Amino acid sequence: MERVKFTKEFIFRASPAIIYQFLTTPSCLTRWFCDEVHINGEDFTFVWSGAEEEAKLIEDQEPNLLRFVWEDAESDDEFLEFDIRVSPVTGETIMNITDFADEDEVDDQKALWTSQMTRMRAEMGG
């Protein structure tokens, strides 16, 4: 099955700095993303129901951009990116998530990210 890149946009009232904190600190990540997380420099180990997934942070432009590569990615070209910007028109914070999925799973992955962002938004209050 072919892997495809997709991007999903989310709007927040919270500042880029708060969103960045929720994407990079264990105490915040466990509130919306995973059961446990261990961070050692650029190496992140995420745990869900006892299963571990490892990712490396390859780009970090605080508070606007984070890019990870998963250790078990099917291609060296795959990444997970969080691009966080403030709209000059509305003043809202816009986060674009870029991820990869099998072609027939893109809609499910978008729905999963929507669910995760709903949880994150509820935890941060905006």
PDB file of N, CA and C in Angstrom:
ATOM      1  N   MET A   1       0.853  -1.187   0.000  1.00  0.00           N
ATOM      2  CA  MET A   1       0.000   0.000   0.000  1.00  0.00           C
ATOM      3  C   MET A   1       0.893   1.241   0.000  1.00  0.00           C
ATOM      4  N   GLU A   2       0.529   2.201  -0.797  1.00  0.00           N
ATOM      5  CA  GLU A   2       1.319   3.430  -0.891  1.00  0.00           C
ATOM      6  C   GLU A   2       1.081   4.322   0.325  1.00  0.00           C
ATOM      7  N   ARG A   3       2.158   4.886   0.846  1.00  0.00           N
ATOM      8  CA  ARG A   3       2.073   5.839   1.953  1.00  0.00           C
ATOM      9  C   ARG A   3       1.936   7.234   1.353  1.00  0.00           C
ATOM     10  N   VAL A   4       1.053   8.027   1.927  1.00  0.00           N
ATOM     11  CA  VAL A   4       0.831   9.371   1.412  1.00  0.00           C
ATOM     12  C   VAL A   4       0.965  10.390   2.537  1.00  0.00           C
ATOM     13  N   LYS A   5       1.410  11.564   2.162  1.00  0.00           N
ATOM     14  CA  LYS A   5       1.534  12.675   3.107  1.00  0.00           C
ATOM     15  C   LYS A   5       0.208  13.424   3.143  1.00  0.00           C
ATOM     16  N   PHE A   6      -0.197  13.829   4.339  1.00  0.00           N
ATOM     17  CA  PHE A   6      -1.397  14.648   4.471  1.00  0.00           C
ATOM     18  C   PHE A   6      -1.148  15.723   5.517  1.00  0.00           C
ATOM     19  N   THR A   7      -1.921  16.793   5.434  1.00  0.00           N
ATOM     20  CA  THR A   7      -1.833  17.892   6.393  1.00  0.00           C
ATOM     21  C   THR A   7      -3.232  18.206   6.898  1.00  0.00           C
ATOM     22  N   LYS A   8      -3.340  18.466   8.182  1.00  0.00           N
ATOM     23  CA  LYS A   8      -4.610  18.815   8.809  1.00  0.00           C
ATOM     24  C   LYS A   8      -4.392  20.075   9.636  1.00  0.00           C
ATOM     25  N   GLU A   9      -5.300  21.035   9.493  1.00  0.00           N
ATOM     26  CA  GLU A   9      -5.184  22.322  10.186  1.00  0.00           C
ATOM     27  C   GLU A   9      -6.109  22.367  11.399  1.00  0.00           C
ATOM     28  N   PHE A  10      -5.590  22.957  12.487  1.00  0.00           N
ATOM     29  CA  PHE A  10      -6.363  23.131  13.709  1.00  0.00           C
ATOM     30  C   PHE A  10      -6.192  24.564  14.205  1.00  0.00           C
ATOM     31  N   ILE A  11      -7.261  25.116  14.761  1.00  0.00           N
ATOM     32  CA  ILE A  11      -7.261  26.487  15.281  1.00  0.00           C
ATOM     33  C   ILE A  11      -7.312  26.432  16.809  1.00  0.00           C
ATOM     34  N   PHE A  12      -6.487  27.249  17.448  1.00  0.00           N
ATOM     35  CA  PHE A  12      -6.435  27.317  18.913  1.00  0.00           C
ATOM     36  C   PHE A  12      -6.520  28.766  19.371  1.00  0.00           C
ATOM     37  N   ARG A  13      -7.019  28.952  20.585  1.00  0.00           N
ATOM     38  CA  ARG A  13      -6.962  30.269  21.225  1.00  0.00           C
ATOM     39  C   ARG A  13      -5.671  30.420  22.021  1.00  0.00           C
ATOM     40  N   ALA A  14      -5.047  29.304  22.363  1.00  0.00           N
ATOM     41  CA  ALA A  14      -3.807  29.316  23.146  1.00  0.00           C
ATOM     42  C   ALA A  14      -2.644  29.849  22.312  1.00  0.00           C
ATOM     43  N   SER A  15      -1.640  30.371  22.983  1.00  0.00           N
ATOM     44  CA  SER A  15      -0.460  30.915  22.303  1.00  0.00           C
ATOM     45  C   SER A  15       0.415  29.791  21.747  1.00  0.00           C
ATOM     46  N   PRO A  16       1.264  30.102  20.758  1.00  0.00           N
ATOM     47  CA  PRO A  16       2.214  29.097  20.270  1.00  0.00           C
ATOM     48  C   PRO A  16       3.081  28.521  21.391  1.00  0.00           C
ATOM     49  N   ALA A  17       3.466  29.339  22.361  1.00  0.00           N
ATOM     50  CA  ALA A  17       4.315  28.855  23.456  1.00  0.00           C
ATOM     51  C   ALA A  17       3.608  27.785  24.288  1.00  0.00           C
ATOM     52  N   ILE A  18       2.323  27.970  24.557  1.00  0.00           N
ATOM     53  CA  ILE A  18       1.559  26.972  25.323  1.00  0.00           C
ATOM     54  C   ILE A  18       1.416  25.687  24.510  1.00  0.00           C
ATOM     55  N   ILE A  19       1.096  25.810  23.227  1.00  0.00           N
ATOM     56  CA  ILE A  19       0.960  24.628  22.370  1.00  0.00           C
ATOM     57  C   ILE A  19       2.289  23.886  22.299  1.00  0.00           C
ATOM     58  N   TYR A  20       3.376  24.619  22.128  1.00  0.00           N
ATOM     59  CA  TYR A  20       4.711  24.013  22.084  1.00  0.00           C
ATOM     60  C   TYR A  20       4.969  23.206  23.358  1.00  0.00           C
ATOM     61  N   GLN A  21       4.614  23.772  24.503  1.00  0.00           N
ATOM     62  CA  GLN A  21       4.792  23.075  25.779  1.00  0.00           C
ATOM     63  C   GLN A  21       4.004  21.764  25.793  1.00  0.00           C
ATOM     64  N   PHE A  22       2.785  21.777  25.253  1.00  0.00           N
ATOM     65  CA  PHE A  22       1.958  20.570  25.229  1.00  0.00           C
ATOM     66  C   PHE A  22       2.484  19.516  24.260  1.00  0.00           C
ATOM     67  N   LEU A  23       3.376  19.910  23.354  1.00  0.00           N
ATOM     68  CA  LEU A  23       3.965  18.977  22.393  1.00  0.00           C
ATOM     69  C   LEU A  23       5.336  18.465  22.819  1.00  0.00           C
ATOM     70  N   THR A  24       5.925  19.055  23.861  1.00  0.00           N
ATOM     71  CA  THR A  24       7.319  18.730  24.173  1.00  0.00           C
ATOM     72  C   THR A  24       7.597  18.330  25.618  1.00  0.00           C
ATOM     73  N   THR A  25       6.646  18.464  26.511  1.00  0.00           N
ATOM     74  CA  THR A  25       6.921  18.130  27.910  1.00  0.00           C
ATOM     75  C   THR A  25       6.134  16.887  28.332  1.00  0.00           C
ATOM     76  N   PRO A  26       6.793  15.976  29.055  1.00  0.00           N
ATOM     77  CA  PRO A  26       6.123  14.732  29.453  1.00  0.00           C
ATOM     78  C   PRO A  26       4.815  14.958  30.209  1.00  0.00           C
ATOM     79  N   SER A  27       4.795  15.899  31.144  1.00  0.00           N
ATOM     80  CA  SER A  27       3.584  16.098  31.940  1.00  0.00           C
ATOM     81  C   SER A  27       2.407  16.562  31.090  1.00  0.00           C
ATOM     82  N   CYS A  28       2.681  17.259  30.003  1.00  0.00           N
ATOM     83  CA  CYS A  28       1.607  17.694  29.102  1.00  0.00           C
ATOM     84  C   CYS A  28       1.262  16.617  28.076  1.00  0.00           C
ATOM     85  N   LEU A  29       2.267  15.962  27.511  1.00  0.00           N
ATOM     86  CA  LEU A  29       2.018  14.918  26.508  1.00  0.00           C
ATOM     87  C   LEU A  29       1.146  13.793  27.061  1.00  0.00           C
ATOM     88  N   THR A  30       1.352  13.441  28.327  1.00  0.00           N
ATOM     89  CA  THR A  30       0.562  12.347  28.901  1.00  0.00           C
ATOM     90  C   THR A  30      -0.876  12.765  29.193  1.00  0.00           C
ATOM     91  N   ARG A  31      -1.172  14.032  29.118  1.00  0.00           N
ATOM     92  CA  ARG A  31      -2.542  14.502  29.331  1.00  0.00           C
ATOM     93  C   ARG A  31      -3.404  14.350  28.087  1.00  0.00           C
ATOM     94  N   TRP A  32      -2.770  14.210  26.905  1.00  0.00           N
ATOM     95  CA  TRP A  32      -3.585  14.143  25.690  1.00  0.00           C
ATOM     96  C   TRP A  32      -3.092  13.149  24.636  1.00  0.00           C
ATOM     97  N   PHE A  33      -1.823  12.734  24.681  1.00  0.00           N
ATOM     98  CA  PHE A  33      -1.261  11.984  23.563  1.00  0.00           C
ATOM     99  C   PHE A  33      -0.925  10.526  23.871  1.00  0.00           C
ATOM    100  N   CYS A  34      -0.318  10.260  25.008  1.00  0.00           N
ATOM    101  CA  CYS A  34       0.172   8.907  25.294  1.00  0.00           C
ATOM    102  C   CYS A  34       0.054   8.621  26.789  1.00  0.00           C
ATOM    103  N   ASP A  35       0.293   7.346  27.130  1.00  0.00           N
ATOM    104  CA  ASP A  35       0.231   6.953  28.542  1.00  0.00           C
ATOM    105  C   ASP A  35       1.484   7.372  29.302  1.00  0.00           C
ATOM    106  N   GLU A  36       2.634   7.229  28.642  1.00  0.00           N
ATOM    107  CA  GLU A  36       3.931   7.614  29.211  1.00  0.00           C
ATOM    108  C   GLU A  36       4.791   8.167  28.087  1.00  0.00           C
ATOM    109  N   VAL A  37       5.769   8.996  28.462  1.00  0.00           N
ATOM    110  CA  VAL A  37       6.771   9.444  27.489  1.00  0.00           C
ATOM    111  C   VAL A  37       8.090   9.624  28.225  1.00  0.00           C
ATOM    112  N   HIS A  38       9.156   9.198  27.572  1.00  0.00           N
ATOM    113  CA  HIS A  38      10.505   9.363  28.112  1.00  0.00           C
ATOM    114  C   HIS A  38      11.295  10.158  27.082  1.00  0.00           C
ATOM    115  N   ILE A  39      11.923  11.239  27.527  1.00  0.00           N
ATOM    116  CA  ILE A  39      12.669  12.106  26.621  1.00  0.00           C
ATOM    117  C   ILE A  39      14.123  12.127  27.055  1.00  0.00           C
ATOM    118  N   ASN A  40      15.004  11.847  26.097  1.00  0.00           N
ATOM    119  CA  ASN A  40      16.441  11.889  26.330  1.00  0.00           C
ATOM    120  C   ASN A  40      17.050  12.685  25.181  1.00  0.00           C
ATOM    121  N   GLY A  41      17.241  13.988  25.398  1.00  0.00           N
ATOM    122  CA  GLY A  41      17.726  14.845  24.321  1.00  0.00           C
ATOM    123  C   GLY A  41      16.699  14.925  23.211  1.00  0.00           C
ATOM    124  N   GLU A  42      17.087  14.487  22.003  1.00  0.00           N
ATOM    125  CA  GLU A  42      16.167  14.505  20.862  1.00  0.00           C
ATOM    126  C   GLU A  42      15.371  13.211  20.743  1.00  0.00           C
ATOM    127  N   ASP A  43      15.641  12.242  21.606  1.00  0.00           N
ATOM    128  CA  ASP A  43      14.981  10.940  21.515  1.00  0.00           C
ATOM    129  C   ASP A  43      13.753  10.888  22.419  1.00  0.00           C
ATOM    130  N   PHE A  44      12.606  10.593  21.802  1.00  0.00           N
ATOM    131  CA  PHE A  44      11.339  10.493  22.513  1.00  0.00           C
ATOM    132  C   PHE A  44      10.863   9.046  22.435  1.00  0.00           C
ATOM    133  N   THR A  45      10.495   8.455  23.574  1.00  0.00           N
ATOM    134  CA  THR A  45       9.880   7.134  23.598  1.00  0.00           C
ATOM    135  C   THR A  45       8.470   7.305  24.148  1.00  0.00           C
ATOM    136  N   PHE A  46       7.485   7.026  23.294  1.00  0.00           N
ATOM    137  CA  PHE A  46       6.079   7.144  23.658  1.00  0.00           C
ATOM    138  C   PHE A  46       5.550   5.756  23.983  1.00  0.00           C
ATOM    139  N   VAL A  47       4.696   5.666  25.011  1.00  0.00           N
ATOM    140  CA  VAL A  47       4.132   4.384  25.429  1.00  0.00           C
ATOM    141  C   VAL A  47       2.608   4.495  25.422  1.00  0.00           C
ATOM    142  N   TRP A  48       1.983   3.536  24.720  1.00  0.00           N
ATOM    143  CA  TRP A  48       0.527   3.404  24.685  1.00  0.00           C
ATOM    144  C   TRP A  48       0.182   1.976  25.062  1.00  0.00           C
ATOM    145  N   SER A  49      -0.552   1.782  26.142  1.00  0.00           N
ATOM    146  CA  SER A  49      -0.973   0.439  26.584  1.00  0.00           C
ATOM    147  C   SER A  49       0.192  -0.545  26.597  1.00  0.00           C
ATOM    148  N   GLY A  50       1.340  -0.101  27.066  1.00  0.00           N
ATOM    149  CA  GLY A  50       2.516  -0.953  27.176  1.00  0.00           C
ATOM    150  C   GLY A  50       3.369  -1.059  25.926  1.00  0.00           C
ATOM    151  N   ALA A  51       2.866  -0.614  24.780  1.00  0.00           N
ATOM    152  CA  ALA A  51       3.630  -0.676  23.522  1.00  0.00           C
ATOM    153  C   ALA A  51       4.413   0.621  23.338  1.00  0.00           C
ATOM    154  N   GLU A  52       5.692   0.485  22.992  1.00  0.00           N
ATOM    155  CA  GLU A  52       6.559   1.655  22.824  1.00  0.00           C
ATOM    156  C   GLU A  52       6.762   2.001  21.357  1.00  0.00           C
ATOM    157  N   GLU A  53       6.815   3.296  21.076  1.00  0.00           N
ATOM    158  CA  GLU A  53       7.177   3.819  19.754  1.00  0.00           C
ATOM    159  C   GLU A  53       8.251   4.872  19.990  1.00  0.00           C
ATOM    160  N   GLU A  54       9.311   4.822  19.189  1.00  0.00           N
ATOM    161  CA  GLU A  54      10.403   5.771  19.362  1.00  0.00           C
ATOM    162  C   GLU A  54      10.455   6.748  18.200  1.00  0.00           C
ATOM    163  N   ALA A  55      10.732   8.006  18.550  1.00  0.00           N
ATOM    164  CA  ALA A  55      10.846   9.060  17.547  1.00  0.00           C
ATOM    165  C   ALA A  55      12.040   9.937  17.892  1.00  0.00           C
ATOM    166  N   LYS A  56      12.606  10.545  16.869  1.00  0.00           N
ATOM    167  CA  LYS A  56      13.709  11.482  17.057  1.00  0.00           C
ATOM    168  C   LYS A  56      13.240  12.865  16.614  1.00  0.00           C
ATOM    169  N   LEU A  57      13.488  13.855  17.458  1.00  0.00           N
ATOM    170  CA  LEU A  57      13.184  15.237  17.122  1.00  0.00           C
ATOM    171  C   LEU A  57      14.301  15.748  16.220  1.00  0.00           C
ATOM    172  N   ILE A  58      13.982  16.016  14.950  1.00  0.00           N
ATOM    173  CA  ILE A  58      15.024  16.415  14.002  1.00  0.00           C
ATOM    174  C   ILE A  58      14.997  17.902  13.675  1.00  0.00           C
ATOM    175  N   GLU A  59      13.904  18.577  14.033  1.00  0.00           N
ATOM    176  CA  GLU A  59      13.855  20.025  13.840  1.00  0.00           C
ATOM    177  C   GLU A  59      13.047  20.632  14.969  1.00  0.00           C
ATOM    178  N   ASP A  60      13.597  21.675  15.574  1.00  0.00           N
ATOM    179  CA  ASP A  60      12.971  22.305  16.730  1.00  0.00           C
ATOM    180  C   ASP A  60      13.202  23.804  16.639  1.00  0.00           C
ATOM    181  N   GLN A  61      12.165  24.526  16.230  1.00  0.00           N
ATOM    182  CA  GLN A  61      12.225  25.984  16.161  1.00  0.00           C
ATOM    183  C   GLN A  61      11.180  26.528  17.133  1.00  0.00           C
ATOM    184  N   GLU A  62      11.542  26.517  18.415  1.00  0.00           N
ATOM    185  CA  GLU A  62      10.611  26.923  19.467  1.00  0.00           C
ATOM    186  C   GLU A  62      10.136  28.349  19.239  1.00  0.00           C
ATOM    187  N   PRO A  63       8.840  28.640  19.337  1.00  0.00           N
ATOM    188  CA  PRO A  63       7.708  27.755  19.584  1.00  0.00           C
ATOM    189  C   PRO A  63       6.926  27.421  18.305  1.00  0.00           C
ATOM    190  N   ASN A  64       7.551  27.506  17.132  1.00  0.00           N
ATOM    191  CA  ASN A  64       6.791  27.435  15.887  1.00  0.00           C
ATOM    192  C   ASN A  64       6.847  26.138  15.095  1.00  0.00           C
ATOM    193  N   LEU A  65       7.860  25.321  15.291  1.00  0.00           N
ATOM    194  CA  LEU A  65       7.979  24.144  14.432  1.00  0.00           C
ATOM    195  C   LEU A  65       8.657  22.994  15.162  1.00  0.00           C
ATOM    196  N   LEU A  66       8.038  21.823  15.063  1.00  0.00           N
ATOM    197  CA  LEU A  66       8.625  20.578  15.558  1.00  0.00           C
ATOM    198  C   LEU A  66       8.494  19.547  14.452  1.00  0.00           C
ATOM    199  N   ARG A  67       9.576  18.820  14.193  1.00  0.00           N
ATOM    200  CA  ARG A  67       9.519  17.740  13.211  1.00  0.00           C
ATOM    201  C   ARG A  67      10.192  16.507  13.808  1.00  0.00           C
ATOM    202  N   PHE A  68       9.447  15.409  13.792  1.00  0.00           N
ATOM    203  CA  PHE A  68       9.917  14.129  14.308  1.00  0.00           C
ATOM    204  C   PHE A  68      10.024  13.119  13.173  1.00  0.00           C
ATOM    205  N   VAL A  69      10.925  12.156  13.332  1.00  0.00           N
ATOM    206  CA  VAL A  69      10.914  10.968  12.478  1.00  0.00           C
ATOM    207  C   VAL A  69      10.729   9.768  13.401  1.00  0.00           C
ATOM    208  N   TRP A  70       9.852   8.862  12.995  1.00  0.00           N
ATOM    209  CA  TRP A  70       9.598   7.649  13.757  1.00  0.00           C
ATOM    210  C   TRP A  70      10.674   6.633  13.442  1.00  0.00           C
ATOM    211  N   GLU A  71      11.154   5.928  14.460  1.00  0.00           N
ATOM    212  CA  GLU A  71      12.192   4.921  14.267  1.00  0.00           C
ATOM    213  C   GLU A  71      11.748   3.843  13.279  1.00  0.00           C
ATOM    214  N   ASP A  72      10.471   3.465  13.325  1.00  0.00           N
ATOM    215  CA  ASP A  72       9.982   2.386  12.463  1.00  0.00           C
ATOM    216  C   ASP A  72       9.258   2.891  11.213  1.00  0.00           C
ATOM    217  N   ALA A  73       9.542   4.127  10.792  1.00  0.00           N
ATOM    218  CA  ALA A  73       8.901   4.674   9.585  1.00  0.00           C
ATOM    219  C   ALA A  73       9.228   3.803   8.379  1.00  0.00           C
ATOM    220  N   GLU A  74       8.259   3.697   7.480  1.00  0.00           N
ATOM    221  CA  GLU A  74       8.441   2.857   6.298  1.00  0.00           C
ATOM    222  C   GLU A  74       9.383   3.474   5.279  1.00  0.00           C
ATOM    223  N   SER A  75       9.608   4.787   5.382  1.00  0.00           N
ATOM    224  CA  SER A  75      10.480   5.479   4.432  1.00  0.00           C
ATOM    225  C   SER A  75      11.271   6.551   5.170  1.00  0.00           C
ATOM    226  N   ASP A  76      12.477   6.817   4.706  1.00  0.00           N
ATOM    227  CA  ASP A  76      13.287   7.885   5.301  1.00  0.00           C
ATOM    228  C   ASP A  76      12.684   9.261   5.044  1.00  0.00           C
ATOM    229  N   ASP A  77      11.753   9.349   4.098  1.00  0.00           N
ATOM    230  CA  ASP A  77      11.126  10.626   3.760  1.00  0.00           C
ATOM    231  C   ASP A  77       9.930  10.953   4.647  1.00  0.00           C
ATOM    232  N   GLU A  78       9.512  10.019   5.493  1.00  0.00           N
ATOM    233  CA  GLU A  78       8.344  10.237   6.344  1.00  0.00           C
ATOM    234  C   GLU A  78       8.720  11.001   7.609  1.00  0.00           C
ATOM    235  N   PHE A  79       7.799  11.841   8.058  1.00  0.00           N
ATOM    236  CA  PHE A  79       8.005  12.625   9.275  1.00  0.00           C
ATOM    237  C   PHE A  79       6.655  12.992   9.862  1.00  0.00           C
ATOM    238  N   LEU A  80       6.682  13.503  11.076  1.00  0.00           N
ATOM    239  CA  LEU A  80       5.516  14.070  11.748  1.00  0.00           C
ATOM    240  C   LEU A  80       5.894  15.492  12.105  1.00  0.00           C
ATOM    241  N   GLU A  81       5.120  16.450  11.607  1.00  0.00           N
ATOM    242  CA  GLU A  81       5.477  17.857  11.797  1.00  0.00           C
ATOM    243  C   GLU A  81       4.318  18.631  12.402  1.00  0.00           C
ATOM    244  N   PHE A  82       4.665  19.507  13.338  1.00  0.00           N
ATOM    245  CA  PHE A  82       3.726  20.447  13.937  1.00  0.00           C
ATOM    246  C   PHE A  82       4.218  21.850  13.594  1.00  0.00           C
ATOM    247  N   ASP A  83       3.470  22.561  12.768  1.00  0.00           N
ATOM    248  CA  ASP A  83       3.825  23.914  12.333  1.00  0.00           C
ATOM    249  C   ASP A  83       2.827  24.866  12.987  1.00  0.00           C
ATOM    250  N   ILE A  84       3.309  25.733  13.862  1.00  0.00           N
ATOM    251  CA  ILE A  84       2.453  26.561  14.712  1.00  0.00           C
ATOM    252  C   ILE A  84       2.685  28.031  14.375  1.00  0.00           C
ATOM    253  N   ARG A  85       1.623  28.717  13.971  1.00  0.00           N
ATOM    254  CA  ARG A  85       1.722  30.125  13.561  1.00  0.00           C
ATOM    255  C   ARG A  85       0.534  30.906  14.113  1.00  0.00           C
ATOM    256  N   VAL A  86       0.707  32.213  14.242  1.00  0.00           N
ATOM    257  CA  VAL A  86      -0.392  33.092  14.628  1.00  0.00           C
ATOM    258  C   VAL A  86      -0.916  33.762  13.368  1.00  0.00           C
ATOM    259  N   SER A  87      -2.228  33.701  13.182  1.00  0.00           N
ATOM    260  CA  SER A  87      -2.841  34.352  12.026  1.00  0.00           C
ATOM    261  C   SER A  87      -2.746  35.861  12.191  1.00  0.00           C
ATOM    262  N   PRO A  88      -2.174  36.563  11.200  1.00  0.00           N
ATOM    263  CA  PRO A  88      -2.101  38.020  11.301  1.00  0.00           C
ATOM    264  C   PRO A  88      -3.477  38.675  11.178  1.00  0.00           C
ATOM    265  N   VAL A  89      -4.447  37.943  10.660  1.00  0.00           N
ATOM    266  CA  VAL A  89      -5.787  38.493  10.461  1.00  0.00           C
ATOM    267  C   VAL A  89      -6.652  38.314  11.705  1.00  0.00           C
ATOM    268  N   THR A  90      -6.700  37.084  12.231  1.00  0.00           N
ATOM    269  CA  THR A  90      -7.608  36.791  13.345  1.00  0.00           C
ATOM    270  C   THR A  90      -6.929  36.788  14.709  1.00  0.00           C
ATOM    271  N   GLY A  91      -5.598  36.652  14.732  1.00  0.00           N
ATOM    272  CA  GLY A  91      -4.879  36.547  15.996  1.00  0.00           C
ATOM    273  C   GLY A  91      -4.950  35.165  16.615  1.00  0.00           C
ATOM    274  N   GLU A  92      -5.671  34.243  15.975  1.00  0.00           N
ATOM    275  CA  GLU A  92      -5.749  32.871  16.474  1.00  0.00           C
ATOM    276  C   GLU A  92      -4.464  32.127  16.130  1.00  0.00           C
ATOM    277  N   THR A  93      -4.196  31.091  16.892  1.00  0.00           N
ATOM    278  CA  THR A  93      -3.042  30.244  16.606  1.00  0.00           C
ATOM    279  C   THR A  93      -3.490  29.111  15.693  1.00  0.00           C
ATOM    280  N   ILE A  94      -2.757  28.929  14.616  1.00  0.00           N
ATOM    281  CA  ILE A  94      -3.056  27.883  13.640  1.00  0.00           C
ATOM    282  C   ILE A  94      -1.945  26.844  13.715  1.00  0.00           C
ATOM    283  N   MET A  95      -2.334  25.589  13.894  1.00  0.00           N
ATOM    284  CA  MET A  95      -1.352  24.512  13.873  1.00  0.00           C
ATOM    285  C   MET A  95      -1.685  23.578  12.719  1.00  0.00           C
ATOM    286  N   ASN A  96      -0.712  23.387  11.844  1.00  0.00           N
ATOM    287  CA  ASN A  96      -0.824  22.409  10.773  1.00  0.00           C
ATOM    288  C   ASN A  96      -0.020  21.185  11.165  1.00  0.00           C
ATOM    289  N   ILE A  97      -0.676  20.036  11.155  1.00  0.00           N
ATOM    290  CA  ILE A  97      -0.004  18.765  11.415  1.00  0.00           C
ATOM    291  C   ILE A  97       0.191  18.069  10.082  1.00  0.00           C
ATOM    292  N   THR A  98       1.435  17.715   9.792  1.00  0.00           N
ATOM    293  CA  THR A  98       1.742  16.935   8.599  1.00  0.00           C
ATOM    294  C   THR A  98       2.186  15.552   9.053  1.00  0.00           C
ATOM    295  N   ASP A  99       1.572  14.533   8.467  1.00  0.00           N
ATOM    296  CA  ASP A  99       1.845  13.153   8.860  1.00  0.00           C
ATOM    297  C   ASP A  99       1.755  12.275   7.615  1.00  0.00           C
ATOM    298  N   PHE A 100       2.034  11.001   7.768  1.00  0.00           N
ATOM    299  CA  PHE A 100       1.971  10.035   6.673  1.00  0.00           C
ATOM    300  C   PHE A 100       1.107   8.859   7.102  1.00  0.00           C
ATOM    301  N   ALA A 101       0.398   8.277   6.141  1.00  0.00           N
ATOM    302  CA  ALA A 101      -0.438   7.106   6.412  1.00  0.00           C
ATOM    303  C   ALA A 101      -0.587   6.301   5.131  1.00  0.00           C
ATOM    304  N   ASP A 102      -0.995   5.041   5.298  1.00  0.00           N
ATOM    305  CA  ASP A 102      -1.352   4.261   4.121  1.00  0.00           C
ATOM    306  C   ASP A 102      -2.507   4.971   3.423  1.00  0.00           C
ATOM    307  N   GLU A 103      -2.532   4.868   2.113  1.00  0.00           N
ATOM    308  CA  GLU A 103      -3.518   5.588   1.311  1.00  0.00           C
ATOM    309  C   GLU A 103      -4.950   5.360   1.790  1.00  0.00           C
ATOM    310  N   ASP A 104      -5.262   4.129   2.178  1.00  0.00           N
ATOM    311  CA  ASP A 104      -6.628   3.822   2.604  1.00  0.00           C
ATOM    312  C   ASP A 104      -6.891   4.156   4.077  1.00  0.00           C
ATOM    313  N   GLU A 105      -5.899   4.719   4.772  1.00  0.00           N
ATOM    314  CA  GLU A 105      -6.062   5.055   6.186  1.00  0.00           C
ATOM    315  C   GLU A 105      -5.967   6.552   6.474  1.00  0.00           C
ATOM    316  N   VAL A 106      -5.859   7.371   5.433  1.00  0.00           N
ATOM    317  CA  VAL A 106      -5.692   8.813   5.632  1.00  0.00           C
ATOM    318  C   VAL A 106      -6.877   9.404   6.390  1.00  0.00           C
ATOM    319  N   ASP A 107      -8.105   9.054   5.998  1.00  0.00           N
ATOM    320  CA  ASP A 107      -9.277   9.606   6.685  1.00  0.00           C
ATOM    321  C   ASP A 107      -9.301   9.201   8.156  1.00  0.00           C
ATOM    322  N   ASP A 108      -8.925   7.954   8.445  1.00  0.00           N
ATOM    323  CA  ASP A 108      -8.872   7.502   9.842  1.00  0.00           C
ATOM    324  C   ASP A 108      -7.803   8.260  10.623  1.00  0.00           C
ATOM    325  N   GLN A 109      -6.653   8.496  10.013  1.00  0.00           N
ATOM    326  CA  GLN A 109      -5.578   9.235  10.682  1.00  0.00           C
ATOM    327  C   GLN A 109      -5.991  10.683  10.932  1.00  0.00           C
ATOM    328  N   LYS A 110      -6.665  11.298   9.969  1.00  0.00           N
ATOM    329  CA  LYS A 110      -7.157  12.666  10.173  1.00  0.00           C
ATOM    330  C   LYS A 110      -8.157  12.708  11.322  1.00  0.00           C
ATOM    331  N   ALA A 111      -9.033  11.702  11.384  1.00  0.00           N
ATOM    332  CA  ALA A 111     -10.010  11.633  12.478  1.00  0.00           C
ATOM    333  C   ALA A 111      -9.307  11.442  13.819  1.00  0.00           C
ATOM    334  N   LEU A 112      -8.254  10.621  13.834  1.00  0.00           N
ATOM    335  CA  LEU A 112      -7.489  10.422  15.068  1.00  0.00           C
ATOM    336  C   LEU A 112      -6.844  11.731  15.512  1.00  0.00           C
ATOM    337  N   TRP A 113      -6.226  12.468  14.582  1.00  0.00           N
ATOM    338  CA  TRP A 113      -5.617  13.745  14.947  1.00  0.00           C
ATOM    339  C   TRP A 113      -6.675  14.740  15.428  1.00  0.00           C
ATOM    340  N   THR A 114      -7.853  14.725  14.817  1.00  0.00           N
ATOM    341  CA  THR A 114      -8.930  15.607  15.269  1.00  0.00           C
ATOM    342  C   THR A 114      -9.315  15.273  16.703  1.00  0.00           C
ATOM    343  N   SER A 115      -9.428  13.991  17.009  1.00  0.00           N
ATOM    344  CA  SER A 115      -9.742  13.557  18.368  1.00  0.00           C
ATOM    345  C   SER A 115      -8.640  13.970  19.346  1.00  0.00           C
ATOM    346  N   GLN A 116      -7.386  13.762  18.959  1.00  0.00           N
ATOM    347  CA  GLN A 116      -6.258  14.122  19.822  1.00  0.00           C
ATOM    348  C   GLN A 116      -6.214  15.633  20.069  1.00  0.00           C
ATOM    349  N   MET A 117      -6.446  16.422  19.028  1.00  0.00           N
ATOM    350  CA  MET A 117      -6.407  17.880  19.188  1.00  0.00           C
ATOM    351  C   MET A 117      -7.574  18.372  20.035  1.00  0.00           C
ATOM    352  N   THR A 118      -8.708  17.693  19.955  1.00  0.00           N
ATOM    353  CA  THR A 118      -9.842  18.036  20.816  1.00  0.00           C
ATOM    354  C   THR A 118      -9.461  17.808  22.277  1.00  0.00           C
ATOM    355  N   ARG A 119      -8.784  16.688  22.546  1.00  0.00           N
ATOM    356  CA  ARG A 119      -8.317  16.404  23.913  1.00  0.00           C
ATOM    357  C   ARG A 119      -7.285  17.437  24.362  1.00  0.00           C
ATOM    358  N   MET A 120      -6.333  17.752  23.480  1.00  0.00           N
ATOM    359  CA  MET A 120      -5.296  18.714  23.840  1.00  0.00           C
ATOM    360  C   MET A 120      -5.912  20.083  24.114  1.00  0.00           C
ATOM    361  N   ARG A 121      -6.833  20.498  23.263  1.00  0.00           N
ATOM    362  CA  ARG A 121      -7.492  21.799  23.437  1.00  0.00           C
ATOM    363  C   ARG A 121      -8.233  21.843  24.772  1.00  0.00           C
ATOM    364  N   ALA A 122      -8.907  20.766  25.127  1.00  0.00           N
ATOM    365  CA  ALA A 122      -9.635  20.714  26.401  1.00  0.00           C
ATOM    366  C   ALA A 122      -8.672  20.797  27.582  1.00  0.00           C
ATOM    367  N   GLU A 123      -7.532  20.127  27.485  1.00  0.00           N
ATOM    368  CA  GLU A 123      -6.541  20.138  28.565  1.00  0.00           C
ATOM    369  C   GLU A 123      -5.897  21.510  28.749  1.00  0.00           C
ATOM    370  N   MET A 124      -5.683  22.228  27.655  1.00  0.00           N
ATOM    371  CA  MET A 124      -5.012  23.532  27.759  1.00  0.00           C
ATOM    372  C   MET A 124      -5.995  24.685  27.903  1.00  0.00           C
ATOM    373  N   GLY A 125      -7.276  24.400  27.772  1.00  0.00           N
ATOM    374  CA  GLY A 125      -8.281  25.439  27.922  1.00  0.00           C
ATOM    375  C   GLY A 125      -8.370  26.363  26.728  1.00  0.00           C
ATOM    376  N   GLY A 126      -8.062  25.870  25.572  1.00  0.00           N
ATOM    377  CA  GLY A 126      -8.210  26.736  24.406  1.00  0.00           C
ATOM    378  C   GLY A 126      -7.521  26.213  23.219  1.00  0.00           C
TER     379      GLY A 126
END
